[in-house]
Protein backbone atom coordinates (compact mmCIF):
# COMPACT_ATOMS: atom_id res chain seq x y z
CA ASP A 1 12.58 11.24 -0.38
CA ASP A 2 11.03 8.40 -2.37
CA ASN A 3 11.89 5.74 0.20
CA ASN A 4 8.73 5.00 2.13
CA LEU A 5 10.36 2.89 4.87
CA LYS A 6 13.59 3.66 6.76
CA PHE A 7 15.43 2.03 9.63
CA GLN A 8 17.32 4.46 11.90
CA PRO A 9 19.63 3.10 14.61
CA THR A 10 20.74 5.74 17.13
CA LEU A 11 22.85 5.97 20.26
CA ASN A 12 22.10 8.64 22.87
CA LEU A 13 24.70 9.39 25.54
CA SER A 14 24.15 11.85 28.37
CA TYR A 15 25.82 13.00 31.56
CA SER A 16 24.21 14.95 34.40
CA TYR A 17 25.79 16.64 37.39
CA ILE A 18 23.39 17.21 40.26
CA ASN A 19 24.73 18.80 43.44
CA MET A 20 22.17 18.66 46.23
CA ALA A 21 22.59 20.93 49.24
CA SER A 22 22.46 19.52 52.75
CA TYR A 23 19.63 20.67 54.99
CA SER A 24 18.32 20.36 58.54
CA PHE A 25 14.90 19.00 59.41
CA VAL A 26 13.12 19.43 62.73
CA SER A 27 11.10 16.32 63.50
CA PRO A 28 7.70 16.33 65.28
CA THR A 29 9.58 15.51 68.51
CA ASN A 30 11.70 18.69 68.05
CA ALA A 31 14.83 16.67 67.27
CA THR A 32 17.07 18.21 64.62
CA VAL A 33 18.04 15.83 61.83
CA ASN A 34 20.82 16.83 59.45
CA VAL A 35 20.27 15.36 55.99
CA ASN A 36 23.14 15.31 53.53
CA THR A 37 24.00 13.55 50.32
CA ASN A 38 26.81 13.16 47.84
CA SER A 39 26.67 14.65 44.35
CA LEU A 40 24.82 12.63 41.74
CA SER A 41 26.57 12.21 38.38
CA PRO A 42 24.70 9.62 36.30
CA ILE A 43 25.78 8.62 32.82
CA GLN A 44 22.95 7.40 30.59
CA ILE A 45 23.49 5.12 27.58
CA GLU A 46 20.50 4.57 25.30
CA PRO A 47 20.81 2.54 22.09
CA ALA A 48 17.61 2.84 20.04
CA MET A 49 16.00 1.64 16.84
CA LYS A 50 13.41 3.62 14.88
CA LEU A 51 11.34 2.44 11.93
CA VAL A 52 10.12 5.45 9.93
CA SER A 53 7.41 5.44 7.29
CA ASN A 54 6.70 8.40 5.01
CA ILE A 55 2.94 8.50 4.44
CA THR A 56 3.20 11.55 2.22
CA LYS A 57 5.98 14.06 1.54
CA THR A 58 4.79 16.11 4.54
CA CYS A 59 3.64 13.41 6.98
CA GLN A 60 5.74 10.77 8.68
CA THR A 61 4.94 8.04 11.24
CA TYR A 62 7.39 5.99 13.24
CA ALA A 63 7.79 3.26 15.84
CA ASN A 64 10.80 3.10 18.13
CA ALA A 65 12.33 0.97 20.87
CA SER A 66 15.29 1.55 23.16
CA VAL A 67 17.02 0.28 26.28
CA VAL A 68 18.25 2.83 28.84
CA TRP A 69 21.22 2.04 31.11
CA ASN A 70 22.20 4.37 33.94
CA LEU A 71 25.73 4.23 35.34
CA MET A 72 27.17 6.04 38.38
CA ASP A 73 23.70 6.58 39.83
CA ASN A 74 24.59 5.87 43.47
CA LEU A 75 23.05 8.56 45.60
CA VAL A 76 23.92 8.24 49.29
CA PHE A 77 21.52 9.95 51.70
CA LYS A 78 22.39 10.22 55.37
CA ALA A 79 20.17 11.42 58.18
CA ASN A 80 22.58 12.39 60.95
CA ASP A 81 24.96 9.40 60.72
CA SER A 82 22.42 6.80 59.50
CA GLU A 83 22.48 5.89 55.82
CA LEU A 84 19.04 5.88 54.21
CA PRO A 85 18.01 3.22 51.63
CA SER A 86 19.52 3.54 48.17
CA MET A 87 17.29 4.36 45.20
CA PRO A 88 19.27 3.57 42.02
CA ILE A 89 17.91 4.29 38.55
CA LYS A 90 17.27 0.82 37.14
CA THR A 91 17.77 -0.20 33.52
CA TYR A 92 14.51 0.02 31.57
CA ALA A 93 13.08 -0.44 28.08
CA GLN A 94 11.18 2.29 26.27
CA TYR A 95 8.99 1.85 23.19
CA GLY A 96 6.53 4.00 21.33
CA VAL A 97 4.89 5.37 18.22
CA GLY A 98 4.62 8.87 16.83
CA ILE A 99 3.69 11.09 13.92
CA ASN A 100 5.25 14.25 12.46
CA LYS A 101 3.58 16.67 10.07
CA TYR A 102 5.61 19.28 8.19
CA PHE A 103 3.93 22.61 7.36
CA GLY A 104 6.42 24.12 4.94
CA GLU A 105 10.10 24.47 5.79
CA LYS A 106 9.64 26.32 9.07
CA ILE A 107 6.90 24.59 11.12
CA THR A 108 6.68 20.96 12.25
CA ALA A 109 4.06 19.47 14.57
CA GLY A 110 4.19 16.02 16.13
CA ALA A 111 2.80 13.68 18.75
CA ASP A 112 4.37 10.74 20.59
CA LEU A 113 2.97 7.96 22.76
CA PHE A 114 5.45 5.82 24.68
CA GLY A 115 5.62 3.11 27.30
CA ARG A 116 8.30 1.92 29.70
CA ALA A 117 8.87 -1.57 31.04
CA ILE A 118 11.29 -3.68 33.11
CA GLY A 119 13.05 -1.37 35.68
CA ARG A 120 10.65 1.55 35.21
CA THR A 121 7.03 1.12 34.21
CA GLY A 122 4.36 3.43 32.92
CA PHE A 123 3.35 5.30 29.83
CA GLY A 124 3.26 8.86 28.60
CA GLY A 125 2.97 11.11 25.64
CA GLN A 126 3.83 14.50 24.30
CA VAL A 127 2.71 16.96 21.67
CA ASN A 128 5.23 19.33 20.17
CA ILE A 129 5.42 22.21 17.73
CA ARG A 130 8.76 23.29 16.29
CA TYR A 131 9.47 26.55 14.48
CA ASN A 132 12.80 26.92 12.64
CA PHE A 133 14.07 30.50 12.59
């Protein structure tokens, strides 16, 4: 592609179903505590923007930014009959940069660095190699 700069808007939607089993815990005072929870079924909505630059025909860099909303993330933990504090998944922003290198039609290697802010903070990265069969 001869275009050196591209803007790619995306929308990622995901749903998870997590069914956690109840369990019993014996405290240091030998009291049995029954811990149970409801099923967790969060829906994640992530609109994103990516700015892609083709350095060469086989090398591409990009910068991206997104906002991640989590719905239906209410997990209720109870120890015996006492409800434990809620830990919802807060809305957060994610941003980062990356590079992809294409080695022929079958192999692609890449690296990403990203950060998170607002409801979730921190940074991370990943290195990946993809082989197309």
